[in-house]
N, C-alpha and C. Protein backbone atom coordinates (compact mmCIF):
# COMPACT_ATOMS: atom_id res chain seq x y z
N MET A 1 153.49 52.80 36.89
CA MET A 1 154.68 52.30 36.18
C MET A 1 155.83 52.13 37.17
N SER A 2 156.56 51.02 37.08
CA SER A 2 157.64 50.75 38.01
C SER A 2 158.86 51.61 37.69
N ASN A 3 159.81 51.59 38.61
CA ASN A 3 161.04 52.36 38.42
C ASN A 3 161.92 51.79 37.32
N ALA A 4 161.66 50.55 36.90
CA ALA A 4 162.47 49.91 35.87
C ALA A 4 161.86 50.00 34.48
N LEU A 5 160.60 50.42 34.40
CA LEU A 5 159.87 50.47 33.12
C LEU A 5 159.75 51.92 32.67
N PHE A 6 160.18 52.18 31.42
CA PHE A 6 160.20 53.55 30.90
C PHE A 6 159.35 53.63 29.63
N ASP A 7 158.42 54.57 29.63
CA ASP A 7 157.59 54.83 28.45
C ASP A 7 158.36 55.77 27.54
N CYS A 8 158.96 55.22 26.50
CA CYS A 8 159.86 56.00 25.65
C CYS A 8 159.13 56.93 24.69
N ARG A 9 157.79 56.98 24.77
CA ARG A 9 157.04 57.99 24.02
C ARG A 9 157.14 59.35 24.70
N GLU A 10 157.53 59.33 25.97
CA GLU A 10 157.72 60.57 26.72
C GLU A 10 159.20 60.95 26.68
N PRO A 11 159.53 62.14 26.16
CA PRO A 11 160.94 62.51 25.99
C PRO A 11 161.79 62.35 27.25
N ALA A 12 161.26 62.77 28.39
CA ALA A 12 162.05 62.68 29.62
C ALA A 12 162.30 61.23 30.00
N GLU A 13 161.30 60.38 29.83
CA GLU A 13 161.47 58.97 30.16
C GLU A 13 162.39 58.28 29.15
N LEU A 14 162.33 58.70 27.89
CA LEU A 14 163.23 58.15 26.89
C LEU A 14 164.67 58.42 27.27
N LEU A 15 164.99 59.66 27.64
CA LEU A 15 166.35 60.01 28.02
C LEU A 15 166.81 59.23 29.24
N GLU A 16 165.95 59.17 30.26
CA GLU A 16 166.33 58.46 31.48
C GLU A 16 166.43 56.96 31.25
N GLY A 17 165.47 56.42 30.49
CA GLY A 17 165.49 55.00 30.21
C GLY A 17 166.71 54.58 29.41
N MET A 18 167.07 55.38 28.41
CA MET A 18 168.24 55.05 27.61
C MET A 18 169.52 55.14 28.45
N ARG A 19 169.59 56.12 29.32
CA ARG A 19 170.76 56.26 30.18
C ARG A 19 170.92 55.04 31.08
N LYS A 20 169.81 54.63 31.69
CA LYS A 20 169.87 53.48 32.59
C LYS A 20 170.10 52.18 31.83
N ALA A 21 169.58 52.10 30.60
CA ALA A 21 169.80 50.90 29.79
C ALA A 21 171.27 50.78 29.43
N ARG A 22 171.91 51.88 29.03
CA ARG A 22 173.33 51.85 28.70
C ARG A 22 174.16 51.42 29.91
N MET A 23 173.82 51.98 31.07
CA MET A 23 174.55 51.63 32.29
C MET A 23 174.36 50.16 32.62
N ALA A 24 173.13 49.67 32.46
CA ALA A 24 172.86 48.27 32.76
C ALA A 24 173.64 47.34 31.83
N ILE A 25 173.64 47.66 30.55
CA ILE A 25 174.41 46.86 29.60
C ILE A 25 175.88 46.84 29.98
N GLY A 26 176.42 48.00 30.36
CA GLY A 26 177.81 48.09 30.75
C GLY A 26 178.15 47.25 31.97
N ARG A 27 177.15 47.04 32.83
CA ARG A 27 177.37 46.23 34.03
C ARG A 27 177.08 44.75 33.79
N GLY A 28 176.75 44.39 32.55
CA GLY A 28 176.48 43.00 32.26
C GLY A 28 175.07 42.56 32.59
N LYS A 29 174.15 43.52 32.71
CA LYS A 29 172.76 43.21 33.03
C LYS A 29 171.95 43.02 31.76
N VAL A 30 170.72 42.55 31.93
CA VAL A 30 169.80 42.29 30.82
C VAL A 30 168.80 43.43 30.72
N VAL A 31 168.51 43.84 29.48
CA VAL A 31 167.57 44.94 29.21
C VAL A 31 166.50 44.44 28.24
N CYS A 32 165.29 44.90 28.43
CA CYS A 32 164.17 44.58 27.54
C CYS A 32 163.94 45.75 26.58
N VAL A 33 163.88 45.44 25.27
CA VAL A 33 163.73 46.48 24.26
C VAL A 33 162.68 46.06 23.23
N PRO A 34 162.06 47.03 22.56
CA PRO A 34 161.18 46.70 21.44
C PRO A 34 162.00 46.45 20.18
N THR A 35 161.53 45.53 19.33
CA THR A 35 162.15 45.33 18.02
C THR A 35 161.06 45.47 16.96
N ASP A 36 161.34 44.99 15.76
CA ASP A 36 160.34 45.06 14.69
C ASP A 36 159.15 44.15 14.96
N THR A 37 159.40 43.03 15.64
CA THR A 37 158.41 41.97 15.70
C THR A 37 157.92 41.63 17.09
N VAL A 38 158.71 41.90 18.11
CA VAL A 38 158.38 41.47 19.47
C VAL A 38 159.30 42.21 20.43
N TYR A 39 158.94 42.24 21.71
CA TYR A 39 159.89 42.73 22.70
C TYR A 39 160.95 41.66 22.90
N GLY A 40 162.18 42.11 23.07
CA GLY A 40 163.28 41.18 23.21
C GLY A 40 164.15 41.52 24.41
N LEU A 41 164.93 40.54 24.83
CA LEU A 41 165.93 40.74 25.87
C LEU A 41 167.29 40.86 25.22
N VAL A 42 168.08 41.82 25.66
CA VAL A 42 169.41 42.03 25.10
C VAL A 42 170.44 42.15 26.21
N ALA A 43 171.69 41.82 25.86
CA ALA A 43 172.79 41.92 26.81
C ALA A 43 174.09 42.05 26.03
N ASP A 44 175.16 42.40 26.73
CA ASP A 44 176.47 42.58 26.12
C ASP A 44 176.92 41.27 25.46
N ALA A 45 177.18 41.32 24.15
CA ALA A 45 177.54 40.11 23.41
C ALA A 45 178.90 39.56 23.80
N PHE A 46 179.74 40.37 24.42
CA PHE A 46 181.11 39.95 24.68
C PHE A 46 181.40 39.72 26.17
N LYS A 47 180.34 39.65 26.98
CA LYS A 47 180.50 39.34 28.40
C LYS A 47 179.79 38.02 28.69
N PRO A 48 180.55 36.94 28.95
CA PRO A 48 179.92 35.65 29.23
C PRO A 48 178.90 35.72 30.36
N SER A 49 179.17 36.53 31.39
CA SER A 49 178.23 36.63 32.50
C SER A 49 176.91 37.26 32.06
N ALA A 50 176.99 38.16 31.06
CA ALA A 50 175.78 38.81 30.55
C ALA A 50 174.94 37.84 29.73
N THR A 51 175.59 37.07 28.87
CA THR A 51 174.84 36.09 28.08
C THR A 51 174.26 35.01 28.97
N LYS A 52 174.97 34.65 30.03
CA LYS A 52 174.43 33.67 30.99
C LYS A 52 173.21 34.23 31.69
N ALA A 53 173.26 35.50 32.07
CA ALA A 53 172.12 36.11 32.75
C ALA A 53 170.89 36.13 31.85
N LEU A 54 171.09 36.38 30.56
CA LEU A 54 169.98 36.38 29.62
C LEU A 54 169.39 34.97 29.49
N ARG A 55 170.28 33.97 29.33
CA ARG A 55 169.80 32.59 29.21
C ARG A 55 169.06 32.16 30.48
N ASP A 56 169.60 32.52 31.63
CA ASP A 56 168.97 32.13 32.89
C ASP A 56 167.60 32.76 33.02
N ALA A 57 167.47 34.01 32.62
CA ALA A 57 166.18 34.70 32.71
C ALA A 57 165.12 34.01 31.87
N ARG A 58 165.50 33.58 30.67
CA ARG A 58 164.55 32.93 29.77
C ARG A 58 164.34 31.45 30.08
N GLY A 59 165.22 30.86 30.89
CA GLY A 59 165.15 29.42 31.14
C GLY A 59 165.78 28.62 30.03
N MET A 60 166.78 29.18 29.35
CA MET A 60 167.48 28.52 28.25
C MET A 60 168.61 27.66 28.78
N GLY A 61 168.97 26.62 28.03
CA GLY A 61 170.14 25.83 28.35
C GLY A 61 171.41 26.61 28.05
N GLU A 62 172.53 26.18 28.63
CA GLU A 62 173.77 26.94 28.47
C GLU A 62 174.31 26.91 27.04
N ASN A 63 173.86 25.94 26.24
CA ASN A 63 174.31 25.87 24.85
C ASN A 63 173.26 26.32 23.85
N ASP A 64 172.11 26.77 24.34
CA ASP A 64 171.07 27.25 23.43
C ASP A 64 171.56 28.48 22.68
N PRO A 65 171.38 28.52 21.36
CA PRO A 65 171.94 29.63 20.57
C PRO A 65 171.22 30.95 20.80
N LEU A 66 171.98 32.02 20.70
CA LEU A 66 171.45 33.38 20.80
C LEU A 66 171.76 34.12 19.50
N GLY A 67 170.86 35.01 19.09
CA GLY A 67 171.10 35.86 17.95
C GLY A 67 171.82 37.12 18.38
N VAL A 68 172.18 37.93 17.40
CA VAL A 68 172.89 39.18 17.67
C VAL A 68 172.22 40.31 16.90
N LEU A 69 171.92 41.40 17.60
CA LEU A 69 171.43 42.62 16.97
C LEU A 69 172.61 43.55 16.74
N LEU A 70 172.65 44.18 15.58
CA LEU A 70 173.76 45.09 15.28
C LEU A 70 173.24 46.45 14.83
N PRO A 71 174.08 47.48 14.98
CA PRO A 71 173.61 48.84 14.74
C PRO A 71 173.60 49.29 13.30
N GLY A 72 174.29 48.56 12.39
CA GLY A 72 174.35 49.02 11.01
C GLY A 72 175.01 48.01 10.12
N ILE A 73 174.84 48.18 8.82
CA ILE A 73 175.41 47.25 7.86
C ILE A 73 176.93 47.18 7.93
N PRO A 74 177.65 48.29 8.19
CA PRO A 74 179.10 48.18 8.31
C PRO A 74 179.56 47.17 9.36
N THR A 75 178.77 47.01 10.43
CA THR A 75 179.13 46.05 11.48
C THR A 75 179.05 44.62 10.98
N LEU A 76 178.26 44.39 9.94
CA LEU A 76 178.12 43.05 9.38
C LEU A 76 179.47 42.47 9.01
N ARG A 77 180.30 43.25 8.35
CA ARG A 77 181.61 42.76 7.91
C ARG A 77 182.55 42.51 9.08
N ALA A 78 182.31 43.17 10.19
CA ALA A 78 183.16 42.97 11.36
C ALA A 78 182.80 41.68 12.10
N LEU A 79 181.54 41.25 11.99
CA LEU A 79 181.07 40.09 12.75
C LEU A 79 181.03 38.81 11.93
N ALA A 80 180.83 38.93 10.63
CA ALA A 80 180.73 37.77 9.77
C ALA A 80 182.08 37.43 9.17
N ASP A 81 182.35 36.13 9.01
CA ASP A 81 183.62 35.70 8.44
C ASP A 81 183.71 36.04 6.96
N ASN A 82 182.55 36.02 6.28
CA ASN A 82 182.51 36.30 4.86
C ASN A 82 181.15 36.90 4.53
N VAL A 83 181.12 37.89 3.66
CA VAL A 83 179.85 38.52 3.28
C VAL A 83 179.69 38.40 1.77
N PRO A 84 179.06 37.32 1.30
CA PRO A 84 178.85 37.15 -0.15
C PRO A 84 177.95 38.25 -0.71
N ASP A 85 177.97 38.37 -2.02
CA ASP A 85 177.16 39.40 -2.68
C ASP A 85 175.68 39.26 -2.35
N GLU A 86 175.20 38.03 -2.25
CA GLU A 86 173.78 37.81 -1.96
C GLU A 86 173.41 38.34 -0.57
N VAL A 87 174.29 38.12 0.39
CA VAL A 87 174.05 38.62 1.75
C VAL A 87 174.07 40.14 1.76
N HIS A 88 175.02 40.71 1.05
CA HIS A 88 175.11 42.17 0.98
C HIS A 88 173.85 42.75 0.35
N ALA A 89 173.33 42.08 -0.68
CA ALA A 89 172.12 42.56 -1.35
C ALA A 89 170.91 42.49 -0.42
N LEU A 90 170.77 41.38 0.31
CA LEU A 90 169.64 41.22 1.22
C LEU A 90 169.70 42.24 2.36
N ALA A 91 170.88 42.40 2.92
CA ALA A 91 171.03 43.37 4.00
C ALA A 91 170.76 44.79 3.50
N GLY A 92 171.25 45.09 2.31
CA GLY A 92 171.04 46.42 1.75
C GLY A 92 169.58 46.73 1.51
N GLU A 93 168.80 45.70 1.18
CA GLU A 93 167.37 45.91 0.89
C GLU A 93 166.51 45.89 2.14
N PHE A 94 166.80 45.01 3.09
CA PHE A 94 165.86 44.75 4.18
C PHE A 94 166.34 45.21 5.56
N TRP A 95 167.56 45.71 5.65
CA TRP A 95 168.03 46.27 6.92
C TRP A 95 168.01 47.78 6.85
N PRO A 96 167.58 48.46 7.89
CA PRO A 96 167.00 47.87 9.10
C PRO A 96 165.62 47.27 8.82
N GLY A 97 165.32 46.16 9.50
CA GLY A 97 164.05 45.50 9.30
C GLY A 97 164.04 44.10 9.85
N ALA A 98 162.97 43.38 9.53
CA ALA A 98 162.70 42.08 10.15
C ALA A 98 163.30 40.92 9.38
N LEU A 99 164.57 41.03 9.03
CA LEU A 99 165.29 39.95 8.36
C LEU A 99 166.48 39.54 9.21
N THR A 100 166.55 38.24 9.53
CA THR A 100 167.69 37.66 10.21
C THR A 100 168.50 36.87 9.20
N ILE A 101 169.81 37.12 9.17
CA ILE A 101 170.70 36.43 8.24
C ILE A 101 171.71 35.61 9.04
N ILE A 102 171.79 34.32 8.75
CA ILE A 102 172.74 33.44 9.42
C ILE A 102 173.99 33.34 8.54
N THR A 103 175.14 33.69 9.12
CA THR A 103 176.41 33.62 8.39
C THR A 103 177.44 32.91 9.26
N ALA A 104 178.59 32.61 8.68
CA ALA A 104 179.71 32.12 9.47
C ALA A 104 180.24 33.26 10.32
N ALA A 105 180.48 32.97 11.61
CA ALA A 105 180.96 34.00 12.52
C ALA A 105 182.45 34.25 12.31
N GLY A 106 182.86 35.49 12.52
CA GLY A 106 184.28 35.82 12.45
C GLY A 106 185.07 35.01 13.47
N GLU A 107 186.17 34.42 13.05
CA GLU A 107 186.92 33.51 13.90
C GLU A 107 187.56 34.20 15.10
N SER A 108 187.81 35.48 14.99
CA SER A 108 188.52 36.19 16.06
C SER A 108 187.60 36.68 17.17
N LEU A 109 186.28 36.52 16.99
CA LEU A 109 185.33 37.06 17.96
C LEU A 109 185.29 36.20 19.22
N MET A 110 185.41 36.84 20.37
CA MET A 110 185.37 36.15 21.65
C MET A 110 184.00 36.38 22.29
N TRP A 111 183.07 35.45 22.02
CA TRP A 111 181.74 35.57 22.60
C TRP A 111 181.14 34.19 22.77
N ASP A 112 180.07 34.11 23.53
CA ASP A 112 179.41 32.84 23.79
C ASP A 112 177.98 32.91 23.29
N LEU A 113 177.78 32.41 22.07
CA LEU A 113 176.45 32.43 21.47
C LEU A 113 175.76 31.08 21.58
N GLY A 114 176.40 30.12 22.26
CA GLY A 114 175.82 28.79 22.39
C GLY A 114 176.30 27.87 21.29
N ASN A 115 175.55 26.80 21.10
CA ASN A 115 175.92 25.78 20.12
C ASN A 115 175.46 26.20 18.73
N THR A 116 176.21 27.11 18.12
CA THR A 116 175.83 27.65 16.81
C THR A 116 176.65 27.06 15.67
N GLN A 117 177.55 26.12 15.99
CA GLN A 117 178.38 25.48 14.97
C GLN A 117 179.20 26.52 14.17
N GLY A 118 179.66 27.54 14.87
CA GLY A 118 180.49 28.55 14.22
C GLY A 118 179.73 29.56 13.38
N THR A 119 178.42 29.62 13.55
CA THR A 119 177.62 30.58 12.80
C THR A 119 177.10 31.68 13.73
N VAL A 120 176.52 32.70 13.14
CA VAL A 120 175.90 33.77 13.92
C VAL A 120 174.66 34.27 13.18
N ALA A 121 173.58 34.44 13.91
CA ALA A 121 172.32 34.96 13.35
C ALA A 121 172.27 36.46 13.62
N LEU A 122 172.32 37.25 12.56
CA LEU A 122 172.45 38.70 12.68
C LEU A 122 171.19 39.41 12.20
N ARG A 123 170.86 40.50 12.88
CA ARG A 123 169.73 41.32 12.43
C ARG A 123 169.97 42.77 12.84
N MET A 124 169.63 43.67 11.95
CA MET A 124 169.60 45.10 12.25
C MET A 124 168.14 45.51 12.32
N PRO A 125 167.61 45.72 13.52
CA PRO A 125 166.18 46.04 13.66
C PRO A 125 165.89 47.48 13.24
N SER A 126 164.65 47.75 12.94
CA SER A 126 164.29 49.10 12.51
C SER A 126 163.72 49.96 13.63
N GLU A 127 163.39 49.36 14.76
CA GLU A 127 162.84 50.12 15.88
C GLU A 127 163.88 51.12 16.39
N ARG A 128 163.51 52.40 16.41
CA ARG A 128 164.49 53.46 16.68
C ARG A 128 165.08 53.37 18.08
N ILE A 129 164.31 52.87 19.05
CA ILE A 129 164.81 52.82 20.42
C ILE A 129 165.98 51.87 20.54
N VAL A 130 165.82 50.66 20.01
CA VAL A 130 166.91 49.69 20.11
C VAL A 130 168.06 50.07 19.19
N LEU A 131 167.77 50.70 18.05
CA LEU A 131 168.85 51.15 17.17
C LEU A 131 169.71 52.21 17.87
N GLU A 132 169.08 53.10 18.58
CA GLU A 132 169.84 54.12 19.31
C GLU A 132 170.71 53.47 20.38
N LEU A 133 170.14 52.50 21.08
CA LEU A 133 170.92 51.80 22.10
C LEU A 133 172.11 51.07 21.47
N LEU A 134 171.86 50.38 20.37
CA LEU A 134 172.93 49.65 19.69
C LEU A 134 174.03 50.58 19.19
N SER A 135 173.66 51.78 18.76
CA SER A 135 174.65 52.72 18.26
C SER A 135 175.63 53.13 19.35
N GLU A 136 175.22 52.99 20.60
CA GLU A 136 176.07 53.39 21.72
C GLU A 136 176.74 52.21 22.41
N THR A 137 176.12 51.03 22.33
CA THR A 137 176.68 49.87 23.02
C THR A 137 177.45 48.95 22.09
N GLY A 138 177.15 48.99 20.79
CA GLY A 138 177.66 47.99 19.87
C GLY A 138 176.76 46.77 19.87
N PRO A 139 177.16 45.69 19.19
CA PRO A 139 176.30 44.52 19.05
C PRO A 139 175.85 43.95 20.39
N LEU A 140 174.61 43.46 20.42
CA LEU A 140 174.04 42.88 21.63
C LEU A 140 173.45 41.52 21.31
N VAL A 141 173.69 40.54 22.20
CA VAL A 141 172.98 39.27 22.05
C VAL A 141 171.51 39.51 22.36
N ALA A 142 170.66 38.72 21.72
CA ALA A 142 169.23 38.98 21.86
C ALA A 142 168.43 37.69 21.80
N SER A 143 167.31 37.71 22.49
CA SER A 143 166.35 36.62 22.43
C SER A 143 164.99 37.19 22.80
N SER A 144 163.93 36.49 22.45
CA SER A 144 162.57 37.01 22.68
C SER A 144 162.27 37.15 24.16
N ALA A 145 161.43 38.13 24.49
CA ALA A 145 161.14 38.45 25.88
C ALA A 145 159.99 37.61 26.43
N TYR A 146 160.18 36.31 26.42
CA TYR A 146 159.29 35.39 27.13
C TYR A 146 160.07 34.14 27.47
N ARG A 147 159.62 33.42 28.48
CA ARG A 147 160.35 32.25 28.93
C ARG A 147 160.20 31.10 27.94
N VAL A 148 161.19 30.23 27.92
CA VAL A 148 161.16 29.07 27.04
C VAL A 148 159.92 28.24 27.32
N GLY A 149 159.21 27.87 26.26
CA GLY A 149 157.99 27.08 26.40
C GLY A 149 156.73 27.90 26.57
N GLU A 150 156.89 29.22 26.65
CA GLU A 150 155.74 30.10 26.80
C GLU A 150 155.65 31.01 25.57
N THR A 151 154.64 31.84 25.55
CA THR A 151 154.53 32.88 24.53
C THR A 151 154.35 34.22 25.24
N GLY A 152 154.68 35.28 24.55
CA GLY A 152 154.54 36.58 25.19
C GLY A 152 155.34 37.61 24.44
N GLY A 153 155.87 38.57 25.18
CA GLY A 153 156.64 39.62 24.55
C GLY A 153 155.80 40.60 23.77
N LEU A 154 154.47 40.62 24.06
CA LEU A 154 153.58 41.48 23.27
C LEU A 154 153.62 42.92 23.75
N ARG A 155 153.85 43.12 25.06
CA ARG A 155 153.96 44.46 25.63
C ARG A 155 155.12 44.47 26.61
N ALA A 156 155.70 45.64 26.82
CA ALA A 156 156.77 45.74 27.81
C ALA A 156 156.25 45.37 29.19
N GLU A 157 155.00 45.71 29.46
CA GLU A 157 154.40 45.38 30.76
C GLU A 157 154.31 43.87 30.95
N ASP A 158 154.03 43.13 29.87
CA ASP A 158 153.99 41.67 29.95
C ASP A 158 155.36 41.11 30.30
N ALA A 159 156.38 41.67 29.66
CA ALA A 159 157.75 41.22 29.92
C ALA A 159 158.12 41.49 31.38
N GLU A 160 157.77 42.66 31.89
CA GLU A 160 158.10 42.99 33.27
C GLU A 160 157.40 42.05 34.24
N ALA A 161 156.14 41.71 33.95
CA ALA A 161 155.41 40.79 34.81
C ALA A 161 156.05 39.41 34.82
N THR A 162 156.67 39.05 33.70
CA THR A 162 157.31 37.74 33.58
C THR A 162 158.67 37.70 34.25
N PHE A 163 159.50 38.70 34.00
CA PHE A 163 160.91 38.63 34.41
C PHE A 163 161.24 39.40 35.68
N GLY A 164 160.46 40.41 36.02
CA GLY A 164 160.72 41.16 37.24
C GLY A 164 162.14 41.68 37.33
N ASP A 165 162.81 41.41 38.44
CA ASP A 165 164.15 41.93 38.67
C ASP A 165 165.24 41.20 37.88
N ASP A 166 164.88 40.12 37.18
CA ASP A 166 165.88 39.44 36.34
C ASP A 166 166.31 40.32 35.16
N VAL A 167 165.49 41.31 34.85
CA VAL A 167 165.80 42.29 33.80
C VAL A 167 165.93 43.65 34.46
N ALA A 168 167.02 44.36 34.16
CA ALA A 168 167.32 45.60 34.88
C ALA A 168 166.47 46.78 34.42
N VAL A 169 166.22 46.87 33.10
CA VAL A 169 165.52 48.02 32.52
C VAL A 169 164.57 47.52 31.43
N TYR A 170 163.38 48.09 31.42
CA TYR A 170 162.38 47.79 30.38
C TYR A 170 162.09 49.08 29.61
N LEU A 171 162.39 49.07 28.31
CA LEU A 171 162.12 50.22 27.46
C LEU A 171 160.87 49.95 26.64
N SER A 172 159.84 50.73 26.84
CA SER A 172 158.57 50.53 26.14
C SER A 172 158.40 51.55 25.02
N SER A 173 158.04 51.06 23.85
CA SER A 173 157.70 51.95 22.74
C SER A 173 156.22 52.26 22.71
N GLY A 174 155.46 51.58 23.59
CA GLY A 174 154.01 51.70 23.58
C GLY A 174 153.36 50.71 22.63
N ALA A 175 154.17 49.97 21.88
CA ALA A 175 153.63 49.02 20.90
C ALA A 175 153.08 47.78 21.59
N THR A 176 152.04 47.21 20.98
CA THR A 176 151.54 45.89 21.35
C THR A 176 151.68 45.01 20.12
N TYR A 177 152.51 43.98 20.21
CA TYR A 177 152.79 43.15 19.05
C TYR A 177 151.77 42.04 18.89
N SER A 178 151.69 41.49 17.70
CA SER A 178 150.78 40.39 17.42
C SER A 178 151.43 39.07 17.83
N PRO A 179 150.65 38.13 18.39
CA PRO A 179 151.21 36.82 18.73
C PRO A 179 151.78 36.14 17.48
N GLY A 180 152.93 35.52 17.64
CA GLY A 180 153.52 34.78 16.53
C GLY A 180 154.29 35.63 15.55
N ALA A 181 154.44 36.94 15.81
CA ALA A 181 155.21 37.80 14.90
C ALA A 181 156.68 37.40 14.96
N LEU A 182 157.25 37.14 13.79
CA LEU A 182 158.62 36.64 13.72
C LEU A 182 159.36 37.32 12.59
N SER A 183 160.67 37.34 12.71
CA SER A 183 161.48 37.81 11.58
C SER A 183 161.61 36.69 10.55
N THR A 184 161.87 37.07 9.32
CA THR A 184 162.20 36.10 8.28
C THR A 184 163.68 35.73 8.43
N VAL A 185 163.99 34.44 8.30
CA VAL A 185 165.36 33.97 8.53
C VAL A 185 165.91 33.34 7.26
N VAL A 186 167.08 33.82 6.82
CA VAL A 186 167.78 33.26 5.67
C VAL A 186 169.15 32.76 6.12
N ASP A 187 169.45 31.51 5.81
CA ASP A 187 170.74 30.91 6.15
C ASP A 187 171.66 31.04 4.94
N ALA A 188 172.75 31.78 5.11
CA ALA A 188 173.68 32.01 4.01
C ALA A 188 174.96 31.20 4.16
N THR A 189 175.04 30.32 5.16
CA THR A 189 176.28 29.60 5.39
C THR A 189 176.61 28.63 4.26
N GLY A 190 175.61 28.17 3.51
CA GLY A 190 175.86 27.26 2.40
C GLY A 190 176.66 27.89 1.29
N LEU A 191 176.68 29.21 1.23
CA LEU A 191 177.41 29.90 0.16
C LEU A 191 178.92 29.76 0.32
N ASP A 192 179.37 29.30 1.49
CA ASP A 192 180.80 29.11 1.70
C ASP A 192 181.33 27.87 0.98
N LYS A 193 180.42 27.04 0.46
CA LYS A 193 180.81 25.81 -0.22
C LYS A 193 180.66 25.99 -1.73
N PRO A 194 181.49 25.32 -2.54
CA PRO A 194 181.35 25.40 -3.99
C PRO A 194 179.94 24.99 -4.43
N GLY A 195 179.31 25.84 -5.23
CA GLY A 195 177.96 25.56 -5.68
C GLY A 195 176.90 25.69 -4.61
N GLY A 196 177.29 26.27 -3.48
CA GLY A 196 176.36 26.38 -2.35
C GLY A 196 175.23 27.37 -2.62
N ARG A 197 174.17 27.20 -1.84
CA ARG A 197 172.98 28.04 -2.01
C ARG A 197 172.52 28.59 -0.67
N LEU A 198 171.69 29.59 -0.77
CA LEU A 198 170.99 30.13 0.40
C LEU A 198 169.88 29.18 0.79
N ARG A 199 169.39 29.32 2.03
CA ARG A 199 168.25 28.53 2.47
C ARG A 199 167.29 29.43 3.24
N LEU A 200 166.02 29.42 2.84
CA LEU A 200 164.99 30.17 3.57
C LEU A 200 164.55 29.31 4.75
N VAL A 201 165.02 29.67 5.94
CA VAL A 201 164.75 28.88 7.13
C VAL A 201 163.34 29.12 7.65
N ARG A 202 162.92 30.39 7.62
CA ARG A 202 161.61 30.73 8.16
C ARG A 202 161.06 31.94 7.41
N GLU A 203 159.83 31.84 6.98
CA GLU A 203 159.16 32.98 6.36
C GLU A 203 158.36 33.70 7.44
N GLY A 204 158.75 34.91 7.72
CA GLY A 204 158.10 35.68 8.77
C GLY A 204 157.51 36.97 8.23
N ALA A 205 157.93 38.08 8.85
CA ALA A 205 157.35 39.38 8.50
C ALA A 205 157.63 39.79 7.06
N ILE A 206 158.75 39.32 6.51
CA ILE A 206 159.09 39.63 5.12
C ILE A 206 158.73 38.41 4.27
N PRO A 207 157.80 38.55 3.32
CA PRO A 207 157.38 37.39 2.51
C PRO A 207 158.51 36.88 1.63
N SER A 208 158.45 35.58 1.32
CA SER A 208 159.47 34.99 0.47
C SER A 208 159.52 35.64 -0.90
N THR A 209 158.37 36.10 -1.39
CA THR A 209 158.36 36.75 -2.71
C THR A 209 159.21 38.01 -2.71
N ASP A 210 159.23 38.73 -1.60
CA ASP A 210 160.07 39.92 -1.50
C ASP A 210 161.55 39.54 -1.47
N ILE A 211 161.87 38.44 -0.76
CA ILE A 211 163.24 37.95 -0.71
C ILE A 211 163.72 37.58 -2.11
N TYR A 212 162.88 36.83 -2.85
CA TYR A 212 163.26 36.35 -4.18
C TYR A 212 163.31 37.47 -5.21
N ALA A 213 162.68 38.60 -4.90
CA ALA A 213 162.77 39.74 -5.80
C ALA A 213 164.14 40.39 -5.73
N VAL A 214 164.85 40.15 -4.63
CA VAL A 214 166.20 40.72 -4.45
C VAL A 214 167.27 39.72 -4.85
N VAL A 215 167.11 38.48 -4.40
CA VAL A 215 168.03 37.39 -4.78
C VAL A 215 167.18 36.30 -5.41
N ASP A 216 167.45 35.98 -6.65
CA ASP A 216 166.59 35.07 -7.41
C ASP A 216 166.43 33.73 -6.70
N VAL A 217 165.24 33.16 -6.81
CA VAL A 217 164.92 31.90 -6.16
C VAL A 217 165.90 30.79 -6.55
N SER A 218 166.53 30.91 -7.71
CA SER A 218 167.48 29.90 -8.17
C SER A 218 168.71 29.82 -7.27
N ARG A 219 168.95 30.87 -6.47
CA ARG A 219 170.09 30.88 -5.56
C ARG A 219 169.75 30.24 -4.21
N PHE A 220 168.51 29.76 -4.08
CA PHE A 220 168.07 29.09 -2.86
C PHE A 220 167.94 27.59 -3.11
N GLY A 221 168.22 26.81 -2.08
CA GLY A 221 168.10 25.37 -2.22
C GLY A 221 167.31 24.76 -1.09
């Protein structure tokens, strides 16, 4: 195992890996973490140099959109411009978990998420390692741990083989993810308009039937 890869199933490595991950985030570096669905790359959401480093590592364009991982539901109201009842209900039911919710971003936030048209894709993951990191760093920009046009992110070792020194720290949960594992994505930005509706953008780990059990299908368009 390299000096940058930490097996977080081992208590000593978990402590050391988390310490180095926090330090790396503080310096604007990129860190690899496990999530509910895939290994991902994360960086400080409020440092343009950090978001650029993440995009460069993945081979993304400078305007390609990035999602944001957050540590808890209370942070949702700080990052979103408006939190309708439907969004609150979905977050309350499926967070932490594999649900991404797209909302209008708070106007006062100074960050570079790319060409998102004033929106932000938010998720509170359930993986304890990244949740612990988020609790100490605050929101982090995130993207999957494989290069654009490729597939991967199944193991931390795969990510390290791909990115090498472009990523400062790799935190491994020991998990091996399934190819094509994705979060379910719901776009709530339409609710800002009179008569607006939610939109199911992608059905992933959470089935649409589970979504509609919380917010009736009639609220989707």
